[in-house]
Amino acid sequence: MNPSYPSETFTLDPDYTICNSASQYHWDGVSGDNLFQKFDEVTGGKARRLAGNDNEISSWELKNYNGEFGKGGIICLGSGVLDWNSPTPYVSKYHENLGKLLLNAYHYLTGE
């Protein structure tokens, strides 16, 4: 775990192969905290950090119809780690975290 981001979520296992079908945000010359701040300013959303890369945004939250974050909003997970079918064999250590991540997002947005 990176001490800078204690809430990291690991989703890939050694030997797991992904297609990397992704929706990710990048801005030339902008990285780290500046990238996440710029995303929030430009989109009105909240960039979320997944473990591994400070130079792209691959998950974010959008406000609900009342203009608030949380219940009724949208969580976008544009990372290639959400590819569920590895064409190569692997031993799962982290992959179940994807299901937990998606279930937590569902509960967060529905207020359950």
PDB file of N, CA and C in Angstrom:
ATOM      1  N   MET A   1       0.849  -1.186   0.000  1.00  0.00           N
ATOM      2  CA  MET A   1       0.000   0.000   0.000  1.00  0.00           C
ATOM      3  C   MET A   1       0.883   1.233   0.000  1.00  0.00           C
ATOM      4  N   ASN A   2       0.536   2.186  -0.804  1.00  0.00           N
ATOM      5  CA  ASN A   2       1.245   3.445  -0.884  1.00  0.00           C
ATOM      6  C   ASN A   2       0.781   4.325   0.278  1.00  0.00           C
ATOM      7  N   PRO A   3       1.693   4.733   1.171  1.00  0.00           N
ATOM      8  CA  PRO A   3       1.259   5.541   2.317  1.00  0.00           C
ATOM      9  C   PRO A   3       0.615   6.865   1.919  1.00  0.00           C
ATOM     10  N   SER A   4       0.881   7.360   0.714  1.00  0.00           N
ATOM     11  CA  SER A   4       0.266   8.612   0.265  1.00  0.00           C
ATOM     12  C   SER A   4      -1.219   8.446  -0.019  1.00  0.00           C
ATOM     13  N   TYR A   5      -1.635   7.223  -0.357  1.00  0.00           N
ATOM     14  CA  TYR A   5      -3.026   6.951  -0.712  1.00  0.00           C
ATOM     15  C   TYR A   5      -3.497   5.708   0.048  1.00  0.00           C
ATOM     16  N   PRO A   6      -3.848   5.864   1.325  1.00  0.00           N
ATOM     17  CA  PRO A   6      -4.193   4.696   2.132  1.00  0.00           C
ATOM     18  C   PRO A   6      -5.470   3.981   1.681  1.00  0.00           C
ATOM     19  N   SER A   7      -6.229   4.576   0.781  1.00  0.00           N
ATOM     20  CA  SER A   7      -7.464   3.928   0.345  1.00  0.00           C
ATOM     21  C   SER A   7      -7.312   3.277  -1.037  1.00  0.00           C
ATOM     22  N   GLU A   8      -6.093   2.944  -1.442  1.00  0.00           N
ATOM     23  CA  GLU A   8      -5.882   2.304  -2.734  1.00  0.00           C
ATOM     24  C   GLU A   8      -6.643   0.994  -2.822  1.00  0.00           C
ATOM     25  N   THR A   9      -7.074   0.673  -4.027  1.00  0.00           N
ATOM     26  CA  THR A   9      -7.724  -0.599  -4.288  1.00  0.00           C
ATOM     27  C   THR A   9      -6.930  -1.328  -5.352  1.00  0.00           C
ATOM     28  N   PHE A  10      -6.451  -2.511  -5.033  1.00  0.00           N
ATOM     29  CA  PHE A  10      -5.703  -3.304  -5.995  1.00  0.00           C
ATOM     30  C   PHE A  10      -6.655  -4.257  -6.691  1.00  0.00           C
ATOM     31  N   THR A  11      -6.561  -4.332  -8.019  1.00  0.00           N
ATOM     32  CA  THR A  11      -7.507  -5.135  -8.780  1.00  0.00           C
ATOM     33  C   THR A  11      -6.846  -6.114  -9.740  1.00  0.00           C
ATOM     34  N   LEU A  12      -5.567  -5.984  -9.995  1.00  0.00           N
ATOM     35  CA  LEU A  12      -4.911  -6.866 -10.955  1.00  0.00           C
ATOM     36  C   LEU A  12      -4.008  -7.871 -10.263  1.00  0.00           C
ATOM     37  N   ASP A  13      -4.012  -9.075 -10.800  1.00  0.00           N
ATOM     38  CA  ASP A  13      -3.155 -10.142 -10.300  1.00  0.00           C
ATOM     39  C   ASP A  13      -2.025 -10.389 -11.286  1.00  0.00           C
ATOM     40  N   PRO A  14      -0.909 -10.934 -10.804  1.00  0.00           N
ATOM     41  CA  PRO A  14       0.160 -11.326 -11.739  1.00  0.00           C
ATOM     42  C   PRO A  14      -0.405 -12.297 -12.784  1.00  0.00           C
ATOM     43  N   ASP A  15       0.001 -12.125 -14.027  1.00  0.00           N
ATOM     44  CA  ASP A  15      -0.394 -12.965 -15.162  1.00  0.00           C
ATOM     45  C   ASP A  15      -1.805 -12.695 -15.672  1.00  0.00           C
ATOM     46  N   TYR A  16      -2.554 -11.781 -15.052  1.00  0.00           N
ATOM     47  CA  TYR A  16      -3.882 -11.443 -15.543  1.00  0.00           C
ATOM     48  C   TYR A  16      -3.712 -10.551 -16.761  1.00  0.00           C
ATOM     49  N   THR A  17      -4.367 -10.884 -17.844  1.00  0.00           N
ATOM     50  CA  THR A  17      -4.241 -10.133 -19.091  1.00  0.00           C
ATOM     51  C   THR A  17      -5.542  -9.374 -19.347  1.00  0.00           C
ATOM     52  N   ILE A  18      -5.419  -8.087 -19.663  1.00  0.00           N
ATOM     53  CA  ILE A  18      -6.608  -7.280 -19.941  1.00  0.00           C
ATOM     54  C   ILE A  18      -6.551  -6.722 -21.359  1.00  0.00           C
ATOM     55  N   CYS A  19      -7.704  -6.399 -21.891  1.00  0.00           N
ATOM     56  CA  CYS A  19      -7.809  -5.788 -23.219  1.00  0.00           C
ATOM     57  C   CYS A  19      -7.591  -4.290 -23.143  1.00  0.00           C
ATOM     58  N   ASN A  20      -7.767  -3.729 -21.953  1.00  0.00           N
ATOM     59  CA  ASN A  20      -7.646  -2.313 -21.678  1.00  0.00           C
ATOM     60  C   ASN A  20      -8.641  -1.479 -22.470  1.00  0.00           C
ATOM     61  N   SER A  21      -9.883  -1.922 -22.452  1.00  0.00           N
ATOM     62  CA  SER A  21     -10.971  -1.095 -22.966  1.00  0.00           C
ATOM     63  C   SER A  21     -11.223  -0.052 -21.889  1.00  0.00           C
ATOM     64  N   ALA A  22     -10.854   1.173 -22.145  1.00  0.00           N
ATOM     65  CA  ALA A  22     -10.821   2.140 -21.054  1.00  0.00           C
ATOM     66  C   ALA A  22     -11.340   3.510 -21.476  1.00  0.00           C
ATOM     67  N   SER A  23     -11.760   4.260 -20.480  1.00  0.00           N
ATOM     68  CA  SER A  23     -12.120   5.659 -20.641  1.00  0.00           C
ATOM     69  C   SER A  23     -11.318   6.412 -19.589  1.00  0.00           C
ATOM     70  N   GLN A  24     -10.261   7.068 -20.030  1.00  0.00           N
ATOM     71  CA  GLN A  24      -9.353   7.705 -19.086  1.00  0.00           C
ATOM     72  C   GLN A  24      -9.087   9.148 -19.504  1.00  0.00           C
ATOM     73  N   TYR A  25      -8.917  10.008 -18.502  1.00  0.00           N
ATOM     74  CA  TYR A  25      -8.632  11.417 -18.759  1.00  0.00           C
ATOM     75  C   TYR A  25      -7.156  11.712 -18.556  1.00  0.00           C
ATOM     76  N   HIS A  26      -6.600  12.487 -19.476  1.00  0.00           N
ATOM     77  CA  HIS A  26      -5.217  12.954 -19.408  1.00  0.00           C
ATOM     78  C   HIS A  26      -5.207  14.416 -19.848  1.00  0.00           C
ATOM     79  N   TRP A  27      -4.306  15.215 -19.313  1.00  0.00           N
ATOM     80  CA  TRP A  27      -4.048  16.558 -19.825  1.00  0.00           C
ATOM     81  C   TRP A  27      -2.547  16.698 -19.969  1.00  0.00           C
ATOM     82  N   ASP A  28      -2.106  17.154 -21.132  1.00  0.00           N
ATOM     83  CA  ASP A  28      -0.674  17.314 -21.370  1.00  0.00           C
ATOM     84  C   ASP A  28      -0.046  18.228 -20.334  1.00  0.00           C
ATOM     85  N   GLY A  29       1.041  17.773 -19.755  1.00  0.00           N
ATOM     86  CA  GLY A  29       1.793  18.584 -18.807  1.00  0.00           C
ATOM     87  C   GLY A  29       1.175  18.682 -17.421  1.00  0.00           C
ATOM     88  N   VAL A  30       0.068  17.986 -17.170  1.00  0.00           N
ATOM     89  CA  VAL A  30      -0.586  18.049 -15.863  1.00  0.00           C
ATOM     90  C   VAL A  30      -0.576  16.647 -15.265  1.00  0.00           C
ATOM     91  N   SER A  31      -0.125  16.526 -14.017  1.00  0.00           N
ATOM     92  CA  SER A  31      -0.074  15.209 -13.383  1.00  0.00           C
ATOM     93  C   SER A  31      -0.287  15.335 -11.880  1.00  0.00           C
ATOM     94  N   GLY A  32      -0.380  14.187 -11.241  1.00  0.00           N
ATOM     95  CA  GLY A  32      -0.516  14.138  -9.791  1.00  0.00           C
ATOM     96  C   GLY A  32      -1.743  14.877  -9.302  1.00  0.00           C
ATOM     97  N   ASP A  33      -1.618  15.540  -8.157  1.00  0.00           N
ATOM     98  CA  ASP A  33      -2.751  16.262  -7.565  1.00  0.00           C
ATOM     99  C   ASP A  33      -3.297  17.330  -8.503  1.00  0.00           C
ATOM    100  N   ASN A  34      -2.430  17.962  -9.302  1.00  0.00           N
ATOM    101  CA  ASN A  34      -2.886  18.996 -10.238  1.00  0.00           C
ATOM    102  C   ASN A  34      -3.848  18.428 -11.276  1.00  0.00           C
ATOM    103  N   LEU A  35      -3.596  17.204 -11.717  1.00  0.00           N
ATOM    104  CA  LEU A  35      -4.476  16.564 -12.686  1.00  0.00           C
ATOM    105  C   LEU A  35      -5.850  16.328 -12.081  1.00  0.00           C
ATOM    106  N   PHE A  36      -5.880  15.827 -10.856  1.00  0.00           N
ATOM    107  CA  PHE A  36      -7.152  15.538 -10.205  1.00  0.00           C
ATOM    108  C   PHE A  36      -7.927  16.830  -9.925  1.00  0.00           C
ATOM    109  N   GLN A  37      -7.225  17.888  -9.531  1.00  0.00           N
ATOM    110  CA  GLN A  37      -7.876  19.180  -9.297  1.00  0.00           C
ATOM    111  C   GLN A  37      -8.430  19.751 -10.602  1.00  0.00           C
ATOM    112  N   LYS A  38      -7.658  19.640 -11.683  1.00  0.00           N
ATOM    113  CA  LYS A  38      -8.107  20.166 -12.975  1.00  0.00           C
ATOM    114  C   LYS A  38      -9.356  19.424 -13.446  1.00  0.00           C
ATOM    115  N   PHE A  39      -9.368  18.109 -13.293  1.00  0.00           N
ATOM    116  CA  PHE A  39     -10.542  17.335 -13.680  1.00  0.00           C
ATOM    117  C   PHE A  39     -11.778  17.829 -12.937  1.00  0.00           C
ATOM    118  N   ASP A  40     -11.642  17.994 -11.627  1.00  0.00           N
ATOM    119  CA  ASP A  40     -12.772  18.448 -10.805  1.00  0.00           C
ATOM    120  C   ASP A  40     -13.268  19.825 -11.259  1.00  0.00           C
ATOM    121  N   GLU A  41     -12.341  20.739 -11.543  1.00  0.00           N
ATOM    122  CA  GLU A  41     -12.707  22.088 -11.977  1.00  0.00           C
ATOM    123  C   GLU A  41     -13.401  22.079 -13.337  1.00  0.00           C
ATOM    124  N   VAL A  42     -12.884  21.307 -14.284  1.00  0.00           N
ATOM    125  CA  VAL A  42     -13.403  21.309 -15.646  1.00  0.00           C
ATOM    126  C   VAL A  42     -14.739  20.582 -15.750  1.00  0.00           C
ATOM    127  N   THR A  43     -14.885  19.466 -15.036  1.00  0.00           N
ATOM    128  CA  THR A  43     -16.070  18.627 -15.209  1.00  0.00           C
ATOM    129  C   THR A  43     -17.148  18.847 -14.158  1.00  0.00           C
ATOM    130  N   GLY A  44     -16.775  19.395 -13.003  1.00  0.00           N
ATOM    131  CA  GLY A  44     -17.719  19.486 -11.898  1.00  0.00           C
ATOM    132  C   GLY A  44     -17.868  18.173 -11.155  1.00  0.00           C
ATOM    133  N   GLY A  45     -17.112  17.167 -11.581  1.00  0.00           N
ATOM    134  CA  GLY A  45     -17.138  15.865 -10.925  1.00  0.00           C
ATOM    135  C   GLY A  45     -16.066  15.773  -9.858  1.00  0.00           C
ATOM    136  N   LYS A  46     -15.902  14.573  -9.320  1.00  0.00           N
ATOM    137  CA  LYS A  46     -14.846  14.292  -8.344  1.00  0.00           C
ATOM    138  C   LYS A  46     -14.022  13.142  -8.867  1.00  0.00           C
ATOM    139  N   ALA A  47     -12.773  13.412  -9.177  1.00  0.00           N
ATOM    140  CA  ALA A  47     -11.877  12.346  -9.617  1.00  0.00           C
ATOM    141  C   ALA A  47     -11.589  11.421  -8.442  1.00  0.00           C
ATOM    142  N   ARG A  48     -11.567  10.122  -8.704  1.00  0.00           N
ATOM    143  CA  ARG A  48     -11.255   9.118  -7.688  1.00  0.00           C
ATOM    144  C   ARG A  48      -9.955   8.443  -8.054  1.00  0.00           C
ATOM    145  N   ARG A  49      -9.175   8.110  -7.056  1.00  0.00           N
ATOM    146  CA  ARG A  49      -7.885   7.467  -7.307  1.00  0.00           C
ATOM    147  C   ARG A  49      -8.002   5.956  -7.198  1.00  0.00           C
ATOM    148  N   LEU A  50      -7.572   5.278  -8.248  1.00  0.00           N
ATOM    149  CA  LEU A  50      -7.332   3.850  -8.175  1.00  0.00           C
ATOM    150  C   LEU A  50      -5.824   3.680  -8.099  1.00  0.00           C
ATOM    151  N   ALA A  51      -5.378   2.636  -7.474  1.00  0.00           N
ATOM    152  CA  ALA A  51      -3.949   2.424  -7.267  1.00  0.00           C
ATOM    153  C   ALA A  51      -3.203   2.389  -8.587  1.00  0.00           C
ATOM    154  N   GLY A  52      -2.026   2.989  -8.597  1.00  0.00           N
ATOM    155  CA  GLY A  52      -1.126   2.757  -9.707  1.00  0.00           C
ATOM    156  C   GLY A  52      -0.704   3.926 -10.559  1.00  0.00           C
ATOM    157  N   ASN A  53      -1.555   4.913 -10.823  1.00  0.00           N
ATOM    158  CA  ASN A  53      -1.145   5.922 -11.789  1.00  0.00           C
ATOM    159  C   ASN A  53      -1.692   7.296 -11.417  1.00  0.00           C
ATOM    160  N   ASP A  54      -0.774   8.232 -11.210  1.00  0.00           N
ATOM    161  CA  ASP A  54      -1.161   9.612 -10.905  1.00  0.00           C
ATOM    162  C   ASP A  54      -1.255  10.467 -12.155  1.00  0.00           C
ATOM    163  N   ASN A  55      -1.052   9.860 -13.332  1.00  0.00           N
ATOM    164  CA  ASN A  55      -1.036  10.636 -14.563  1.00  0.00           C
ATOM    165  C   ASN A  55      -2.259  10.399 -15.427  1.00  0.00           C
ATOM    166  N   GLU A  56      -3.254   9.724 -14.879  1.00  0.00           N
ATOM    167  CA  GLU A  56      -4.512   9.536 -15.598  1.00  0.00           C
ATOM    168  C   GLU A  56      -5.638   9.392 -14.584  1.00  0.00           C
ATOM    169  N   ILE A  57      -6.823   9.727 -15.028  1.00  0.00           N
ATOM    170  CA  ILE A  57      -8.009   9.569 -14.186  1.00  0.00           C
ATOM    171  C   ILE A  57      -8.867   8.516 -14.856  1.00  0.00           C
ATOM    172  N   SER A  58      -9.092   7.432 -14.149  1.00  0.00           N
ATOM    173  CA  SER A  58      -9.868   6.344 -14.726  1.00  0.00           C
ATOM    174  C   SER A  58     -11.115   6.019 -13.908  1.00  0.00           C
ATOM    175  N   SER A  59     -11.368   6.794 -12.870  1.00  0.00           N
ATOM    176  CA  SER A  59     -12.633   6.656 -12.140  1.00  0.00           C
ATOM    177  C   SER A  59     -13.010   8.020 -11.576  1.00  0.00           C
ATOM    178  N   TRP A  60     -14.301   8.311 -11.613  1.00  0.00           N
ATOM    179  CA  TRP A  60     -14.759   9.603 -11.137  1.00  0.00           C
ATOM    180  C   TRP A  60     -16.225   9.512 -10.759  1.00  0.00           C
ATOM    181  N   GLU A  61     -16.664  10.498 -10.000  1.00  0.00           N
ATOM    182  CA  GLU A  61     -18.058  10.568  -9.562  1.00  0.00           C
ATOM    183  C   GLU A  61     -18.686  11.833 -10.133  1.00  0.00           C
ATOM    184  N   LEU A  62     -19.927  11.712 -10.578  1.00  0.00           N
ATOM    185  CA  LEU A  62     -20.687  12.852 -11.068  1.00  0.00           C
ATOM    186  C   LEU A  62     -21.859  13.101 -10.129  1.00  0.00           C
ATOM    187  N   LYS A  63     -22.304  14.339 -10.064  1.00  0.00           N
ATOM    188  CA  LYS A  63     -23.372  14.723  -9.139  1.00  0.00           C
ATOM    189  C   LYS A  63     -24.729  14.152  -9.563  1.00  0.00           C
ATOM    190  N   ASN A  64     -25.611  14.045  -8.594  1.00  0.00           N
ATOM    191  CA  ASN A  64     -26.973  13.589  -8.882  1.00  0.00           C
ATOM    192  C   ASN A  64     -27.809  14.753  -9.414  1.00  0.00           C
ATOM    193  N   TYR A  65     -29.083  14.501  -9.651  1.00  0.00           N
ATOM    194  CA  TYR A  65     -29.958  15.522 -10.235  1.00  0.00           C
ATOM    195  C   TYR A  65     -30.132  16.746  -9.347  1.00  0.00           C
ATOM    196  N   ASN A  66     -29.874  16.615  -8.030  1.00  0.00           N
ATOM    197  CA  ASN A  66     -29.945  17.765  -7.116  1.00  0.00           C
ATOM    198  C   ASN A  66     -28.637  18.553  -7.072  1.00  0.00           C
ATOM    199  N   GLY A  67     -27.644  18.104  -7.840  1.00  0.00           N
ATOM    200  CA  GLY A  67     -26.357  18.785  -7.848  1.00  0.00           C
ATOM    201  C   GLY A  67     -25.451  18.406  -6.699  1.00  0.00           C
ATOM    202  N   GLU A  68     -25.738  17.261  -6.046  1.00  0.00           N
ATOM    203  CA  GLU A  68     -24.928  16.802  -4.928  1.00  0.00           C
ATOM    204  C   GLU A  68     -24.259  15.473  -5.264  1.00  0.00           C
ATOM    205  N   PHE A  69     -23.173  15.187  -4.596  1.00  0.00           N
ATOM    206  CA  PHE A  69     -22.531  13.896  -4.745  1.00  0.00           C
ATOM    207  C   PHE A  69     -23.237  12.900  -3.838  1.00  0.00           C
ATOM    208  N   GLY A  70     -23.147  11.636  -4.152  1.00  0.00           N
ATOM    209  CA  GLY A  70     -23.749  10.605  -3.316  1.00  0.00           C
ATOM    210  C   GLY A  70     -24.959   9.983  -3.975  1.00  0.00           C
ATOM    211  N   LYS A  71     -25.960   9.693  -3.177  1.00  0.00           N
ATOM    212  CA  LYS A  71     -27.140   8.972  -3.643  1.00  0.00           C
ATOM    213  C   LYS A  71     -27.726   9.612  -4.899  1.00  0.00           C
ATOM    214  N   GLY A  72     -27.927   8.761  -5.917  1.00  0.00           N
ATOM    215  CA  GLY A  72     -28.492   9.225  -7.174  1.00  0.00           C
ATOM    216  C   GLY A  72     -27.467   9.706  -8.167  1.00  0.00           C
ATOM    217  N   GLY A  73     -26.199   9.777  -7.777  1.00  0.00           N
ATOM    218  CA  GLY A  73     -25.144  10.209  -8.683  1.00  0.00           C
ATOM    219  C   GLY A  73     -24.660   9.072  -9.556  1.00  0.00           C
ATOM    220  N   ILE A  74     -23.578   9.304 -10.222  1.00  0.00           N
ATOM    221  CA  ILE A  74     -23.004   8.307 -11.125  1.00  0.00           C
ATOM    222  C   ILE A  74     -21.544   8.126 -10.767  1.00  0.00           C
ATOM    223  N   ILE A  75     -21.112   6.876 -10.656  1.00  0.00           N
ATOM    224  CA  ILE A  75     -19.688   6.585 -10.515  1.00  0.00           C
ATOM    225  C   ILE A  75     -19.232   5.963 -11.816  1.00  0.00           C
ATOM    226  N   CYS A  76     -18.224   6.541 -12.434  1.00  0.00           N
ATOM    227  CA  CYS A  76     -17.690   6.066 -13.701  1.00  0.00           C
ATOM    228  C   CYS A  76     -16.378   5.344 -13.437  1.00  0.00           C
ATOM    229  N   LEU A  77     -16.298   4.118 -13.890  1.00  0.00           N
ATOM    230  CA  LEU A  77     -15.082   3.330 -13.744  1.00  0.00           C
ATOM    231  C   LEU A  77     -14.583   3.031 -15.148  1.00  0.00           C
ATOM    232  N   GLY A  78     -13.637   3.844 -15.610  1.00  0.00           N
ATOM    233  CA  GLY A  78     -13.165   3.731 -16.975  1.00  0.00           C
ATOM    234  C   GLY A  78     -11.846   3.005 -17.103  1.00  0.00           C
ATOM    235  N   SER A  79     -11.448   2.319 -16.083  1.00  0.00           N
ATOM    236  CA  SER A  79     -10.152   1.651 -16.089  1.00  0.00           C
ATOM    237  C   SER A  79     -10.203   0.326 -16.822  1.00  0.00           C
ATOM    238  N   GLY A  80      -9.118   0.004 -17.501  1.00  0.00           N
ATOM    239  CA  GLY A  80      -8.991  -1.295 -18.152  1.00  0.00           C
ATOM    240  C   GLY A  80      -9.013  -2.449 -17.172  1.00  0.00           C
ATOM    241  N   VAL A  81      -8.813  -2.187 -15.891  1.00  0.00           N
ATOM    242  CA  VAL A  81      -8.822  -3.279 -14.915  1.00  0.00           C
ATOM    243  C   VAL A  81     -10.223  -3.861 -14.762  1.00  0.00           C
ATOM    244  N   LEU A  82     -11.227  -3.230 -15.346  1.00  0.00           N
ATOM    245  CA  LEU A  82     -12.573  -3.773 -15.263  1.00  0.00           C
ATOM    246  C   LEU A  82     -12.853  -4.801 -16.351  1.00  0.00           C
ATOM    247  N   ASP A  83     -11.852  -5.128 -17.166  1.00  0.00           N
ATOM    248  CA  ASP A  83     -12.000  -6.243 -18.093  1.00  0.00           C
ATOM    249  C   ASP A  83     -12.103  -7.512 -17.258  1.00  0.00           C
ATOM    250  N   TRP A  84     -13.179  -8.258 -17.415  1.00  0.00           N
ATOM    251  CA  TRP A  84     -13.450  -9.398 -16.540  1.00  0.00           C
ATOM    252  C   TRP A  84     -12.949 -10.714 -17.089  1.00  0.00           C
ATOM    253  N   ASN A  85     -12.512 -10.773 -18.333  1.00  0.00           N
ATOM    254  CA  ASN A  85     -12.143 -12.044 -18.940  1.00  0.00           C
ATOM    255  C   ASN A  85     -10.670 -12.053 -19.311  1.00  0.00           C
ATOM    256  N   SER A  86      -9.865 -12.717 -18.524  1.00  0.00           N
ATOM    257  CA  SER A  86      -8.445 -12.837 -18.844  1.00  0.00           C
ATOM    258  C   SER A  86      -8.243 -14.022 -19.779  1.00  0.00           C
ATOM    259  N   PRO A  87      -7.650 -13.791 -20.964  1.00  0.00           N
ATOM    260  CA  PRO A  87      -7.399 -14.908 -21.874  1.00  0.00           C
ATOM    261  C   PRO A  87      -6.230 -15.782 -21.421  1.00  0.00           C
ATOM    262  N   THR A  88      -5.537 -15.382 -20.385  1.00  0.00           N
ATOM    263  CA  THR A  88      -4.414 -16.177 -19.873  1.00  0.00           C
ATOM    264  C   THR A  88      -4.740 -16.664 -18.463  1.00  0.00           C
ATOM    265  N   PRO A  89      -4.221 -17.821 -18.077  1.00  0.00           N
ATOM    266  CA  PRO A  89      -4.472 -18.317 -16.723  1.00  0.00           C
ATOM    267  C   PRO A  89      -3.776 -17.439 -15.676  1.00  0.00           C
ATOM    268  N   TYR A  90      -4.398 -17.302 -14.516  1.00  0.00           N
ATOM    269  CA  TYR A  90      -3.813 -16.531 -13.427  1.00  0.00           C
ATOM    270  C   TYR A  90      -4.366 -17.045 -12.112  1.00  0.00           C
ATOM    271  N   VAL A  91      -3.665 -16.757 -11.028  1.00  0.00           N
ATOM    272  CA  VAL A  91      -4.135 -17.082  -9.685  1.00  0.00           C
ATOM    273  C   VAL A  91      -4.695 -15.802  -9.095  1.00  0.00           C
ATOM    274  N   SER A  92      -5.960 -15.837  -8.683  1.00  0.00           N
ATOM    275  CA  SER A  92      -6.623 -14.631  -8.210  1.00  0.00           C
ATOM    276  C   SER A  92      -6.246 -14.318  -6.767  1.00  0.00           C
ATOM    277  N   LYS A  93      -5.692 -13.126  -6.591  1.00  0.00           N
ATOM    278  CA  LYS A  93      -5.415 -12.599  -5.260  1.00  0.00           C
ATOM    279  C   LYS A  93      -6.208 -11.306  -5.045  1.00  0.00           C
ATOM    280  N   TYR A  94      -6.294 -10.475  -6.088  1.00  0.00           N
ATOM    281  CA  TYR A  94      -6.928  -9.167  -5.988  1.00  0.00           C
ATOM    282  C   TYR A  94      -8.215  -9.035  -6.797  1.00  0.00           C
ATOM    283  N   HIS A  95      -8.447  -9.907  -7.757  1.00  0.00           N
ATOM    284  CA  HIS A  95      -9.523  -9.688  -8.724  1.00  0.00           C
ATOM    285  C   HIS A  95     -10.900  -9.588  -8.076  1.00  0.00           C
ATOM    286  N   GLU A  96     -11.113 -10.261  -6.973  1.00  0.00           N
ATOM    287  CA  GLU A  96     -12.404 -10.160  -6.285  1.00  0.00           C
ATOM    288  C   GLU A  96     -12.656  -8.739  -5.786  1.00  0.00           C
ATOM    289  N   ASN A  97     -11.587  -7.940  -5.659  1.00  0.00           N
ATOM    290  CA  ASN A  97     -11.752  -6.549  -5.240  1.00  0.00           C
ATOM    291  C   ASN A  97     -12.607  -5.764  -6.230  1.00  0.00           C
ATOM    292  N   LEU A  98     -12.623  -6.189  -7.503  1.00  0.00           N
ATOM    293  CA  LEU A  98     -13.472  -5.506  -8.491  1.00  0.00           C
ATOM    294  C   LEU A  98     -14.935  -5.616  -8.108  1.00  0.00           C
ATOM    295  N   GLY A  99     -15.365  -6.799  -7.731  1.00  0.00           N
ATOM    296  CA  GLY A  99     -16.745  -6.986  -7.308  1.00  0.00           C
ATOM    297  C   GLY A  99     -17.063  -6.157  -6.079  1.00  0.00           C
ATOM    298  N   LYS A 100     -16.137  -6.117  -5.130  1.00  0.00           N
ATOM    299  CA  LYS A 100     -16.340  -5.314  -3.918  1.00  0.00           C
ATOM    300  C   LYS A 100     -16.409  -3.832  -4.262  1.00  0.00           C
ATOM    301  N   LEU A 101     -15.551  -3.397  -5.163  1.00  0.00           N
ATOM    302  CA  LEU A 101     -15.535  -1.998  -5.580  1.00  0.00           C
ATOM    303  C   LEU A 101     -16.874  -1.610  -6.211  1.00  0.00           C
ATOM    304  N   LEU A 102     -17.372  -2.448  -7.101  1.00  0.00           N
ATOM    305  CA  LEU A 102     -18.637  -2.145  -7.764  1.00  0.00           C
ATOM    306  C   LEU A 102     -19.813  -2.218  -6.796  1.00  0.00           C
ATOM    307  N   LEU A 103     -19.796  -3.180  -5.884  1.00  0.00           N
ATOM    308  CA  LEU A 103     -20.868  -3.281  -4.901  1.00  0.00           C
ATOM    309  C   LEU A 103     -20.856  -2.085  -3.947  1.00  0.00           C
ATOM    310  N   ASN A 104     -19.671  -1.660  -3.536  1.00  0.00           N
ATOM    311  CA  ASN A 104     -19.565  -0.475  -2.683  1.00  0.00           C
ATOM    312  C   ASN A 104     -20.090   0.764  -3.410  1.00  0.00           C
ATOM    313  N   ALA A 105     -19.776   0.891  -4.692  1.00  0.00           N
ATOM    314  CA  ALA A 105     -20.281   2.024  -5.471  1.00  0.00           C
ATOM    315  C   ALA A 105     -21.805   1.991  -5.524  1.00  0.00           C
ATOM    316  N   TYR A 106     -22.364   0.822  -5.736  1.00  0.00           N
ATOM    317  CA  TYR A 106     -23.821   0.678  -5.771  1.00  0.00           C
ATOM    318  C   TYR A 106     -24.435   1.105  -4.431  1.00  0.00           C
ATOM    319  N   HIS A 107     -23.899   0.596  -3.341  1.00  0.00           N
ATOM    320  CA  HIS A 107     -24.435   0.947  -2.019  1.00  0.00           C
ATOM    321  C   HIS A 107     -24.282   2.445  -1.724  1.00  0.00           C
ATOM    322  N   TYR A 108     -23.165   3.001  -2.117  1.00  0.00           N
ATOM    323  CA  TYR A 108     -22.936   4.438  -1.911  1.00  0.00           C
ATOM    324  C   TYR A 108     -23.988   5.257  -2.652  1.00  0.00           C
ATOM    325  N   LEU A 109     -24.227   4.909  -3.901  1.00  0.00           N
ATOM    326  CA  LEU A 109     -25.142   5.689  -4.729  1.00  0.00           C
ATOM    327  C   LEU A 109     -26.606   5.483  -4.380  1.00  0.00           C
ATOM    328  N   THR A 110     -26.927   4.315  -3.854  1.00  0.00           N
ATOM    329  CA  THR A 110     -28.318   4.065  -3.494  1.00  0.00           C
ATOM    330  C   THR A 110     -28.612   4.431  -2.046  1.00  0.00           C
ATOM    331  N   GLY A 111     -27.585   4.761  -1.296  1.00  0.00           N
ATOM    332  CA  GLY A 111     -27.766   5.142   0.099  1.00  0.00           C
ATOM    333  C   GLY A 111     -27.999   3.955   1.017  1.00  0.00           C
ATOM    334  N   GLU A 112     -27.700   2.747   0.528  1.00  0.00           N
ATOM    335  CA  GLU A 112     -27.873   1.537   1.355  1.00  0.00           C
ATOM    336  C   GLU A 112     -26.681   1.303   2.244  1.00  0.00           C
TER     337      GLU A 112
END
